[in-house]
Amino acid sequence: MNYKKIKNTLCLAAVSALFLTGCGGSKNPLDPKEPVSLTIWHYYNGSQQVAFDALAQEFNETVGREKGIYVQSYSQGSVPDLEAAVRDSIAGKVGAEKMPDIFSSYADTAYEVEQAGALANLTDYLSESDLERYVDSYIEEGCIAADGSLRIFPTAKSTEIMMINKTDWDLFSQATGASLESLATMEGVAATAQAYYEWTDSLTPDIPGDGKAFYGRDALANYFIIGMKQLGVEIFQVENGQVTLNVPKEEIHRLWENYYVPMVKGYFGAYGSFRSDDVKTGDLLAYTGSTTSAMYFPNQVELDNSSYPIDYIVMTAPVFEGGEYCAVQQGAGMVVSKSDEKHEYAAVEFLKWFTEADNNLQFGCVSGYLPVLKEANSLSVLEQNITAQGLEVAPKTFDCLSIALEEMSQFSLYTNKSFENGSSARKVLEYNLSDKAAEDRAAVIASMEQGKSLEEAAAPFVTEDAFEEWYQSFCNALNESINK
């Protein structure tokens, strides 16, 4: 039985049922002689912001002019900055700006805003045929209202891939026989990372214990959520807005031994703000991160007194051995602030235009985001649009999109449903184990500096008793986060 397909079908059925009682695509209230002005807040920066703003300008000069809609977009800097600005607006804080008509939002934040009654019901402005054009799981993610109606409009999505410094990988592979096929599983990544550490350590026999880390990971919360799902467990099981925690010890242990243990021993690493930063400094060879990270993967490794160019490899993200082929579904959508029919209708008209295949792929080719329409999610359509529109696409971005589109045909995409205090629970997944790993790795290094071998220094941290102690504190932290 295909549970995912059934779940998506039920969600879409719930949305479709609303058409029997609501408008499901309301009558056009716009008058081109009296244009409606819309404000959009997002978190895009650099080339992503340029691409989004260019599309907004194109809309204003074409469809917007014809329909009487004018959009103005503003970057709020970062996701936390945007979320803070939205919360301040809702709370009516002194000096806070008025709520925008449209803003980028992840599901957890959108859920908070929906609970405050500040989001428009997008089902009022979309027909059933409109909804059926979008990837089912993207629509499902946006159905966060109590009645199952749509609140988050899918605009650009991403998943995770693995990126590798090919230049240094080739040296390692030629010397040791290491194979890229071993990187298909997390267990294989951990074993390869150990082999890399030992090989780099052997290059300087007069300096024991100076091996280098091989692999790192962005977004450790995704490691927990997707890793557990690959092992058949939904860590946050949400029904009717109520969450049940599922943290079985056996599965959590597999995550611990394939992240924490390699981190403590120095086989994995995390040094800069993002793992692409660590590849740039030569501290890592590979990482798992978002498709949107492709533009940040370095063209060269920069050491203290020298640098050298590197090539790259893009692969699908590793899965747990014997696990379900499941990958993360992520990326903020756009939500519409509750206001009046004209503004809400106009906002949806812009979002529908932005997500048309030609426009969405134009944005994706710069940003690394995946298109959201079913018809646009194929490599052939991507290539056709690049040719037809004469788009310039960075090779790394194209390769990441290609791998991600291939991944979508082989993997099921997953994201947990929203729930109260979901952001707090995700922070536990993001920082609880990573902070402990960093602290304990520092202790291991200190012991090695006192003359202990790596195995002797790491031994106290990788016992079953050590796991048990961490596991209990982890479960307690998760419970506290959702019950505060």
Protein backbone atom coordinates (compact mmCIF):
# COMPACT_ATOMS: atom_id res chain seq x y z
CA MET A 1 0.00 0.00 0.00
CA ASN A 2 1.41 3.40 -0.99
CA TYR A 3 0.82 5.39 2.22
CA LYS A 4 2.35 8.57 0.79
CA LYS A 5 0.02 8.52 -2.24
CA ILE A 6 -3.02 7.88 -0.05
CA LYS A 7 -2.08 10.71 2.33
CA ASN A 8 -1.60 13.16 -0.54
CA THR A 9 -4.88 12.10 -2.11
CA LEU A 10 -6.74 12.66 1.17
CA CYS A 11 -5.21 16.14 1.55
CA LEU A 12 -6.16 17.11 -1.98
CA ALA A 13 -9.61 15.68 -1.45
CA ALA A 14 -10.03 17.86 1.63
CA VAL A 15 -9.05 20.93 -0.34
CA SER A 16 -11.27 19.95 -3.24
CA ALA A 17 -14.22 19.49 -0.91
CA LEU A 18 -13.98 23.15 0.01
CA PHE A 19 -14.92 24.06 -3.55
CA LEU A 20 -18.40 22.72 -2.76
CA THR A 21 -18.85 25.34 -0.06
CA GLY A 22 -16.48 28.13 -1.17
CA CYS A 23 -15.73 29.91 -4.39
CA GLY A 24 -12.64 27.92 -5.36
CA GLY A 25 -11.56 30.52 -7.86
CA SER A 26 -13.49 33.72 -7.23
CA LYS A 27 -14.78 36.24 -9.76
CA ASN A 28 -12.14 38.75 -10.84
CA PRO A 29 -12.60 41.86 -8.64
CA LEU A 30 -9.77 43.82 -10.29
CA ASP A 31 -10.04 46.92 -12.43
CA PRO A 32 -6.95 47.76 -14.55
CA LYS A 33 -7.93 51.44 -14.30
CA GLU A 34 -7.47 51.23 -10.52
CA PRO A 35 -4.33 49.09 -10.03
CA VAL A 36 -3.75 47.20 -6.79
CA SER A 37 -0.29 47.62 -5.26
CA LEU A 38 1.24 44.60 -3.50
CA THR A 39 4.24 44.44 -1.18
CA ILE A 40 6.32 41.25 -1.06
CA TRP A 41 8.86 40.36 1.62
CA HIS A 42 11.40 37.61 0.97
CA TYR A 43 14.82 36.51 2.18
CA TYR A 44 16.60 36.26 -1.17
CA ASN A 45 19.97 37.92 -1.53
CA GLY A 46 22.60 38.30 -4.22
CA SER A 47 21.80 36.63 -7.54
CA GLN A 48 18.60 35.12 -6.14
CA GLN A 49 17.28 38.58 -5.25
CA VAL A 50 18.27 39.93 -8.66
CA ALA A 51 16.44 37.07 -10.38
CA PHE A 52 13.30 37.46 -8.27
CA ASP A 53 13.20 41.23 -8.69
CA ALA A 54 13.66 40.88 -12.46
CA LEU A 55 10.67 38.53 -12.64
CA ALA A 56 8.58 40.88 -10.51
CA GLN A 57 9.45 43.71 -12.89
CA GLU A 58 8.54 41.55 -15.89
CA PHE A 59 5.19 40.79 -14.29
CA ASN A 60 4.52 44.49 -13.70
CA GLU A 61 5.23 45.30 -17.33
CA THR A 62 3.10 42.50 -18.78
CA VAL A 63 0.39 40.58 -16.95
CA GLY A 64 0.35 43.00 -14.03
CA ARG A 65 -0.27 45.99 -16.30
CA GLU A 66 -3.01 44.10 -18.13
CA LYS A 67 -4.80 43.03 -14.94
CA GLY A 68 -4.12 46.04 -12.76
CA ILE A 69 -1.55 44.61 -10.34
CA TYR A 70 1.74 46.19 -9.32
CA VAL A 71 4.19 44.31 -7.08
CA GLN A 72 7.13 45.66 -5.10
CA SER A 73 9.56 43.19 -3.56
CA TYR A 74 11.90 43.74 -0.63
CA SER A 75 14.56 41.47 0.86
CA GLN A 76 14.49 41.29 4.64
CA GLY A 77 18.06 40.00 4.69
CA SER A 78 17.80 36.48 6.10
CA VAL A 79 15.15 33.96 7.11
CA PRO A 80 15.41 34.88 10.85
CA ASP A 81 15.22 38.58 9.99
CA LEU A 82 12.13 38.02 7.86
CA GLU A 83 10.45 35.91 10.52
CA ALA A 84 11.20 38.54 13.18
CA ALA A 85 9.78 41.31 10.98
CA VAL A 86 6.58 39.33 10.42
CA ARG A 87 6.15 38.58 14.12
CA ASP A 88 6.71 42.24 14.99
CA SER A 89 4.09 43.28 12.44
CA ILE A 90 1.52 40.84 13.79
CA ALA A 91 2.22 41.94 17.36
CA GLY A 92 1.90 45.60 16.38
CA LYS A 93 5.24 46.50 17.92
CA VAL A 94 6.27 50.14 17.91
CA GLY A 95 8.25 50.86 14.76
CA ALA A 96 7.20 47.62 13.06
CA GLU A 97 6.26 47.85 9.40
CA LYS A 98 2.79 47.03 8.16
CA MET A 99 2.26 43.39 7.25
CA PRO A 100 3.21 42.77 3.60
CA ASP A 101 0.62 41.40 1.20
CA ILE A 102 2.85 38.41 0.42
CA PHE A 103 5.85 37.01 2.25
CA SER A 104 8.14 33.99 2.07
CA SER A 105 7.50 31.53 4.85
CA TYR A 106 8.49 28.09 6.00
CA ALA A 107 5.70 25.89 7.27
CA ASP A 108 6.45 26.31 11.00
CA THR A 109 6.34 30.10 10.80
CA ALA A 110 3.27 30.06 8.56
CA TYR A 111 1.55 27.83 11.12
CA GLU A 112 2.19 30.44 13.83
CA VAL A 113 0.81 33.22 11.64
CA GLU A 114 -2.21 31.09 10.73
CA GLN A 115 -2.91 30.47 14.42
CA ALA A 116 -2.99 34.25 14.80
CA GLY A 117 -5.67 34.38 12.10
CA ALA A 118 -3.53 36.51 9.78
CA LEU A 119 -3.35 34.37 6.62
CA ALA A 120 -5.67 34.37 3.63
CA ASN A 121 -7.42 31.18 2.56
CA LEU A 122 -5.85 30.54 -0.84
CA THR A 123 -8.49 27.95 -1.67
CA ASP A 124 -10.88 30.84 -2.24
CA TYR A 125 -8.85 31.89 -5.28
CA LEU A 126 -7.72 28.60 -6.82
CA SER A 127 -9.80 26.15 -8.81
CA GLU A 128 -9.45 22.42 -8.44
CA SER A 129 -7.71 22.28 -11.80
CA ASP A 130 -5.27 24.97 -10.60
CA LEU A 131 -4.29 22.86 -7.60
CA GLU A 132 -3.91 19.66 -9.59
CA ARG A 133 -1.10 21.23 -11.62
CA TYR A 134 1.19 21.43 -8.58
CA VAL A 135 3.24 18.58 -7.10
CA ASP A 136 0.89 16.87 -4.65
CA SER A 137 3.27 16.88 -1.69
CA TYR A 138 3.90 20.61 -2.13
CA ILE A 139 0.17 21.31 -1.87
CA GLU A 140 -0.10 18.96 1.10
CA GLU A 141 2.62 20.86 2.94
CA GLY A 142 0.65 24.07 2.51
CA CYS A 143 -2.60 22.67 3.94
CA ILE A 144 -1.94 23.91 7.46
CA ALA A 145 -5.36 25.35 8.33
CA ALA A 146 -7.61 23.46 10.73
CA ASP A 147 -10.12 22.82 7.95
CA GLY A 148 -7.45 21.49 5.59
CA SER A 149 -7.51 24.50 3.28
CA LEU A 150 -4.40 25.86 1.61
CA ARG A 151 -2.41 28.62 3.28
CA ILE A 152 1.10 28.23 1.79
CA PHE A 153 1.46 28.68 -1.96
CA PRO A 154 4.33 26.51 -3.27
CA THR A 155 6.68 28.78 -5.20
CA ALA A 156 10.16 27.22 -5.12
CA LYS A 157 11.32 23.99 -3.51
CA SER A 158 14.59 22.24 -2.89
CA THR A 159 15.92 18.94 -1.67
CA GLU A 160 19.35 17.75 -0.58
CA ILE A 161 22.28 16.54 -2.65
CA MET A 162 25.86 15.55 -1.95
CA MET A 163 28.72 17.67 -3.32
CA ILE A 164 32.33 16.52 -3.42
CA ASN A 165 35.70 18.12 -4.10
CA LYS A 166 36.56 15.90 -7.09
CA THR A 167 40.17 17.04 -7.35
CA ASP A 168 41.14 15.88 -3.87
CA TRP A 169 38.78 12.91 -4.01
CA ASP A 170 40.65 11.61 -7.05
CA LEU A 171 43.95 11.73 -5.17
CA PHE A 172 42.42 9.84 -2.23
CA SER A 173 40.67 7.34 -4.47
CA GLN A 174 43.78 6.59 -6.51
CA ALA A 175 45.82 6.05 -3.35
CA THR A 176 43.31 3.89 -1.46
CA GLY A 177 40.84 2.48 -3.98
CA ALA A 178 37.96 4.39 -2.39
CA SER A 179 34.79 4.22 -4.52
CA LEU A 180 32.04 6.76 -5.07
CA GLU A 181 29.53 3.91 -4.82
CA SER A 182 30.37 3.62 -1.11
CA LEU A 183 28.93 7.13 -0.60
CA ALA A 184 25.39 6.00 -1.44
CA THR A 185 24.72 5.11 2.21
CA MET A 186 25.39 6.89 5.48
CA GLU A 187 27.23 3.82 6.74
CA GLY A 188 29.41 3.95 3.62
CA VAL A 189 30.09 7.65 4.13
CA ALA A 190 31.18 7.01 7.72
CA ALA A 191 33.50 4.17 6.68
CA THR A 192 34.97 6.25 3.84
CA ALA A 193 35.47 9.18 6.20
CA GLN A 194 37.44 6.96 8.57
CA ALA A 195 39.57 5.71 5.69
CA TYR A 196 40.22 9.29 4.58
CA TYR A 197 41.20 10.37 8.09
CA GLU A 198 43.63 7.45 8.38
CA TRP A 199 45.09 8.09 4.92
CA THR A 200 45.67 11.81 5.54
CA ASP A 201 47.12 10.98 8.94
CA SER A 202 49.58 8.57 7.30
CA LEU A 203 50.88 11.32 5.01
CA THR A 204 52.64 12.91 8.00
CA PRO A 205 53.96 9.93 10.01
CA ASP A 206 55.98 12.22 12.26
CA ILE A 207 52.76 13.95 13.41
CA PRO A 208 50.35 11.34 14.82
CA GLY A 209 46.62 12.06 14.97
CA ASP A 210 46.52 14.85 12.41
CA GLY A 211 44.13 13.18 10.00
CA LYS A 212 41.54 15.33 8.24
CA ALA A 213 37.78 15.22 8.26
CA PHE A 214 36.09 14.02 5.08
CA TYR A 215 32.40 14.88 5.39
CA GLY A 216 30.03 17.37 6.95
CA ARG A 217 26.35 18.12 6.96
CA ASP A 218 24.22 21.22 6.74
CA ALA A 219 20.85 21.20 8.56
CA LEU A 220 21.25 18.44 11.14
CA ALA A 221 17.51 18.62 11.79
CA ASN A 222 17.04 17.19 8.30
CA TYR A 223 19.42 14.37 9.19
CA PHE A 224 17.12 13.39 12.06
CA ILE A 225 13.82 13.87 10.25
CA ILE A 226 14.81 12.21 6.98
CA GLY A 227 17.13 9.66 8.54
CA MET A 228 14.36 8.41 10.81
CA LYS A 229 11.89 8.39 7.91
CA GLN A 230 14.33 6.29 5.87
CA LEU A 231 14.36 3.87 8.80
CA GLY A 232 10.56 3.73 8.82
CA VAL A 233 9.86 6.18 11.66
CA GLU A 234 8.07 9.54 11.53
CA ILE A 235 9.79 11.39 14.36
CA PHE A 236 7.04 14.05 14.49
CA GLN A 237 3.72 12.33 13.85
CA VAL A 238 1.06 15.04 13.56
CA GLU A 239 -2.70 14.51 13.50
CA ASN A 240 -5.15 17.40 13.76
CA GLY A 241 -2.36 19.71 14.86
CA GLN A 242 -1.32 17.44 17.74
CA VAL A 243 2.16 15.95 17.67
CA THR A 244 3.33 12.57 18.93
CA LEU A 245 7.08 12.09 19.36
CA ASN A 246 8.54 8.88 17.98
CA VAL A 247 12.13 8.38 19.14
CA PRO A 248 12.75 4.60 19.27
CA LYS A 249 16.15 3.88 20.74
CA GLU A 250 17.37 1.47 18.07
CA GLU A 251 16.83 3.90 15.18
CA ILE A 252 18.16 6.89 17.15
CA HIS A 253 21.26 4.83 17.92
CA ARG A 254 21.92 4.36 14.20
CA LEU A 255 21.78 8.13 13.71
CA TRP A 256 24.08 8.66 16.70
CA GLU A 257 26.71 6.17 15.53
CA ASN A 258 26.70 7.56 11.99
CA TYR A 259 27.03 11.21 12.94
CA TYR A 260 28.15 11.76 16.52
CA VAL A 261 30.80 9.02 16.60
CA PRO A 262 32.50 10.14 13.35
CA MET A 263 32.32 13.75 14.55
CA VAL A 264 33.97 12.96 17.88
CA LYS A 265 36.70 10.98 16.15
CA GLY A 266 37.36 13.73 13.60
CA TYR A 267 36.15 11.78 10.57
CA PHE A 268 33.33 14.31 10.08
CA GLY A 269 33.61 18.02 10.71
CA ALA A 270 31.79 21.35 10.99
CA TYR A 271 33.87 24.51 11.16
CA GLY A 272 32.44 27.46 9.22
CA SER A 273 28.87 28.71 8.96
CA PHE A 274 28.12 26.22 6.17
CA ARG A 275 29.86 23.09 4.97
CA SER A 276 30.60 24.67 1.58
CA ASP A 277 32.77 27.10 3.58
CA ASP A 278 34.66 24.10 4.98
CA VAL A 279 35.28 22.72 1.49
CA LYS A 280 36.67 26.11 0.49
CA THR A 281 39.18 26.06 3.36
CA GLY A 282 40.16 22.45 2.62
CA ASP A 283 38.79 21.20 5.94
CA LEU A 284 36.24 18.90 4.26
CA LEU A 285 36.02 17.00 0.98
CA ALA A 286 32.27 16.42 0.84
CA TYR A 287 28.99 17.49 2.36
CA THR A 288 25.24 17.02 2.20
CA GLY A 289 23.32 20.24 1.70
CA SER A 290 20.51 21.93 -0.18
CA THR A 291 20.41 22.08 -3.97
CA THR A 292 20.56 25.85 -3.49
CA SER A 293 24.06 25.49 -2.00
CA ALA A 294 25.50 24.73 -5.45
CA MET A 295 26.26 28.39 -6.12
CA TYR A 296 28.37 28.51 -2.96
CA PHE A 297 30.45 25.41 -3.71
CA PRO A 298 33.97 26.83 -4.19
CA ASN A 299 35.98 26.81 -7.39
CA GLN A 300 39.19 26.56 -5.41
CA VAL A 301 40.56 25.55 -2.03
CA GLU A 302 42.12 28.48 -0.19
CA LEU A 303 44.82 27.58 2.32
CA ASP A 304 46.72 29.96 4.57
CA ASN A 305 49.49 30.66 2.07
CA SER A 306 48.26 29.15 -1.17
CA SER A 307 45.25 28.06 -3.19
CA TYR A 308 44.45 25.61 -5.96
CA PRO A 309 41.50 25.02 -8.30
CA ILE A 310 39.11 22.13 -7.74
CA ASP A 311 36.46 20.36 -9.77
CA TYR A 312 33.26 18.96 -8.27
CA ILE A 313 30.96 15.94 -8.23
CA VAL A 314 27.23 16.05 -7.51
CA MET A 315 25.50 12.92 -6.18
CA THR A 316 22.18 12.06 -4.62
CA ALA A 317 22.14 12.45 -0.83
CA PRO A 318 23.11 9.25 1.02
CA VAL A 319 20.43 7.08 2.65
CA PHE A 320 20.69 4.64 5.51
CA GLU A 321 21.58 1.12 4.49
CA GLY A 322 18.42 -0.87 3.85
CA GLY A 323 16.29 2.23 4.35
CA GLU A 324 13.51 3.78 2.31
CA TYR A 325 14.58 6.00 -0.58
CA CYS A 326 13.35 9.19 0.99
CA ALA A 327 14.72 12.74 0.63
CA VAL A 328 13.87 16.01 2.31
CA GLN A 329 11.33 18.36 0.81
CA GLN A 330 12.22 21.91 1.81
CA GLY A 331 12.14 25.49 0.70
CA ALA A 332 9.85 28.31 1.79
CA GLY A 333 6.60 28.99 -0.01
CA MET A 334 4.71 32.25 -0.16
CA VAL A 335 1.77 33.15 2.06
CA VAL A 336 -0.80 35.88 1.56
CA SER A 337 -1.81 38.16 4.42
CA LYS A 338 -5.51 38.30 5.20
CA SER A 339 -6.83 41.63 3.92
CA ASP A 340 -9.54 42.21 1.32
CA GLU A 341 -10.70 40.37 -1.77
CA LYS A 342 -8.87 42.61 -4.25
CA HIS A 343 -5.48 42.31 -2.60
CA GLU A 344 -5.80 38.60 -1.91
CA TYR A 345 -6.99 37.87 -5.45
CA ALA A 346 -4.17 39.97 -6.93
CA ALA A 347 -1.59 38.24 -4.76
CA VAL A 348 -2.68 34.81 -5.96
CA GLU A 349 -2.62 36.01 -9.58
CA PHE A 350 1.05 37.01 -9.15
CA LEU A 351 1.95 33.71 -7.48
CA LYS A 352 0.25 31.72 -10.23
CA TRP A 353 2.23 33.68 -12.82
CA PHE A 354 5.51 33.28 -10.93
CA THR A 355 5.07 29.50 -10.77
CA GLU A 356 4.33 29.02 -14.47
CA ALA A 357 7.00 26.70 -15.86
CA ASP A 358 8.90 29.31 -17.90
CA ASN A 359 9.10 31.79 -15.02
CA ASN A 360 9.73 29.25 -12.26
CA LEU A 361 12.51 27.54 -14.19
CA GLN A 362 14.07 30.90 -15.00
CA PHE A 363 14.26 31.58 -11.25
CA GLY A 364 15.43 28.03 -10.51
CA CYS A 365 18.28 28.21 -12.99
CA VAL A 366 19.77 31.05 -10.95
CA SER A 367 18.76 29.99 -7.44
CA GLY A 368 19.00 26.20 -7.56
CA TYR A 369 15.35 25.85 -6.52
CA LEU A 370 13.13 23.21 -8.09
CA PRO A 371 10.00 24.15 -10.04
CA VAL A 372 6.66 23.42 -8.39
CA LEU A 373 4.42 22.43 -11.30
CA LYS A 374 4.24 18.74 -12.18
CA GLU A 375 4.74 19.55 -15.85
CA ALA A 376 8.01 21.38 -15.13
CA ASN A 377 9.67 18.67 -13.03
CA SER A 378 11.70 16.88 -15.66
CA LEU A 379 15.17 17.27 -17.08
CA SER A 380 13.83 17.51 -20.63
CA VAL A 381 11.58 20.48 -19.73
CA LEU A 382 14.50 22.13 -17.92
CA GLU A 383 16.73 21.75 -20.96
CA GLN A 384 13.97 22.95 -23.32
CA ASN A 385 13.45 26.10 -21.24
CA ILE A 386 17.15 26.84 -21.06
CA THR A 387 17.37 26.63 -24.85
CA ALA A 388 14.11 28.46 -25.58
CA GLN A 389 14.82 31.33 -23.18
CA GLY A 390 18.54 31.47 -23.86
CA LEU A 391 19.25 31.14 -20.13
CA GLU A 392 22.76 31.16 -18.76
CA VAL A 393 23.01 28.47 -16.10
CA ALA A 394 26.08 27.84 -13.98
CA PRO A 395 27.26 24.24 -14.53
CA LYS A 396 27.11 23.43 -10.80
CA THR A 397 23.53 24.71 -10.55
CA PHE A 398 22.49 22.77 -13.66
CA ASP A 399 24.08 19.57 -12.35
CA CYS A 400 22.42 19.99 -8.96
CA LEU A 401 19.02 20.56 -10.56
CA SER A 402 19.56 17.56 -12.84
CA ILE A 403 20.45 15.28 -9.93
CA ALA A 404 17.55 16.63 -7.86
CA LEU A 405 15.05 16.05 -10.68
CA GLU A 406 16.40 12.53 -11.08
CA GLU A 407 16.17 12.08 -7.31
CA MET A 408 12.51 13.09 -7.37
CA SER A 409 11.74 10.26 -9.78
CA GLN A 410 13.45 7.69 -7.55
CA PHE A 411 12.92 9.02 -4.03
CA SER A 412 9.81 10.02 -2.14
CA LEU A 413 9.99 13.58 -0.81
CA TYR A 414 9.04 14.17 2.81
CA THR A 415 8.55 17.00 5.26
CA ASN A 416 6.79 16.73 8.58
CA LYS A 417 3.48 18.46 9.14
CA SER A 418 3.37 21.68 11.12
CA PHE A 419 2.47 21.77 14.80
CA GLU A 420 2.58 24.17 17.73
CA ASN A 421 6.16 24.75 18.92
CA GLY A 422 7.44 23.00 15.81
CA SER A 423 10.22 25.56 15.43
CA SER A 424 11.43 24.86 18.97
CA ALA A 425 11.41 21.12 18.40
CA ARG A 426 13.39 21.52 15.18
CA LYS A 427 16.02 23.57 17.05
CA VAL A 428 16.53 20.63 19.40
CA LEU A 429 17.20 18.40 16.40
CA GLU A 430 19.49 21.02 14.90
CA TYR A 431 21.67 21.78 17.91
CA ASN A 432 21.34 19.16 20.68
CA LEU A 433 23.61 16.52 19.17
CA SER A 434 25.79 18.86 17.09
CA ASP A 435 26.65 21.00 20.11
CA LYS A 436 27.52 17.93 22.15
CA ALA A 437 29.62 16.53 19.31
CA ALA A 438 31.58 19.79 19.04
CA GLU A 439 32.17 19.94 22.80
CA ASP A 440 33.25 16.31 23.02
CA ARG A 441 35.49 16.59 19.96
CA ALA A 442 37.30 19.44 21.69
CA ALA A 443 37.83 17.18 24.72
CA VAL A 444 39.20 14.42 22.48
CA ILE A 445 41.65 16.82 20.85
CA ALA A 446 42.80 18.01 24.30
CA SER A 447 43.42 14.41 25.38
CA MET A 448 45.37 13.69 22.19
CA GLU A 449 47.52 16.73 22.86
CA GLN A 450 48.36 15.14 26.19
CA GLY A 451 49.69 12.07 24.40
CA LYS A 452 46.67 9.77 24.09
CA SER A 453 45.87 8.03 20.83
CA LEU A 454 42.64 8.83 19.01
CA GLU A 455 41.01 5.62 20.14
CA GLU A 456 42.04 6.17 23.77
CA ALA A 457 40.86 9.80 23.73
CA ALA A 458 37.52 9.01 22.07
CA ALA A 459 36.76 5.84 24.06
CA PRO A 460 34.77 7.46 26.92
CA PHE A 461 32.45 9.22 24.49
CA VAL A 462 31.45 6.33 22.24
CA THR A 463 30.31 3.72 24.76
CA GLU A 464 26.76 2.44 25.09
CA ASP A 465 26.55 4.16 28.47
CA ALA A 466 27.49 7.44 26.81
CA PHE A 467 24.78 6.93 24.20
CA GLU A 468 22.21 6.08 26.86
CA GLU A 469 23.00 9.24 28.82
CA TRP A 470 22.72 11.42 25.71
CA TYR A 471 19.59 9.64 24.50
CA GLN A 472 17.71 10.37 27.73
CA SER A 473 18.71 14.05 27.69
CA PHE A 474 17.76 14.29 24.00
CA CYS A 475 14.30 12.84 24.62
CA ASN A 476 13.79 15.16 27.57
CA ALA A 477 14.82 18.19 25.50
CA LEU A 478 12.41 17.25 22.70
CA ASN A 479 9.53 16.76 25.15
CA GLU A 480 10.23 20.10 26.82
CA SER A 481 10.34 21.86 23.45
CA ILE A 482 6.84 20.81 22.43
CA ASN A 483 5.23 21.18 25.85
CA LYS A 484 6.52 24.62 26.84
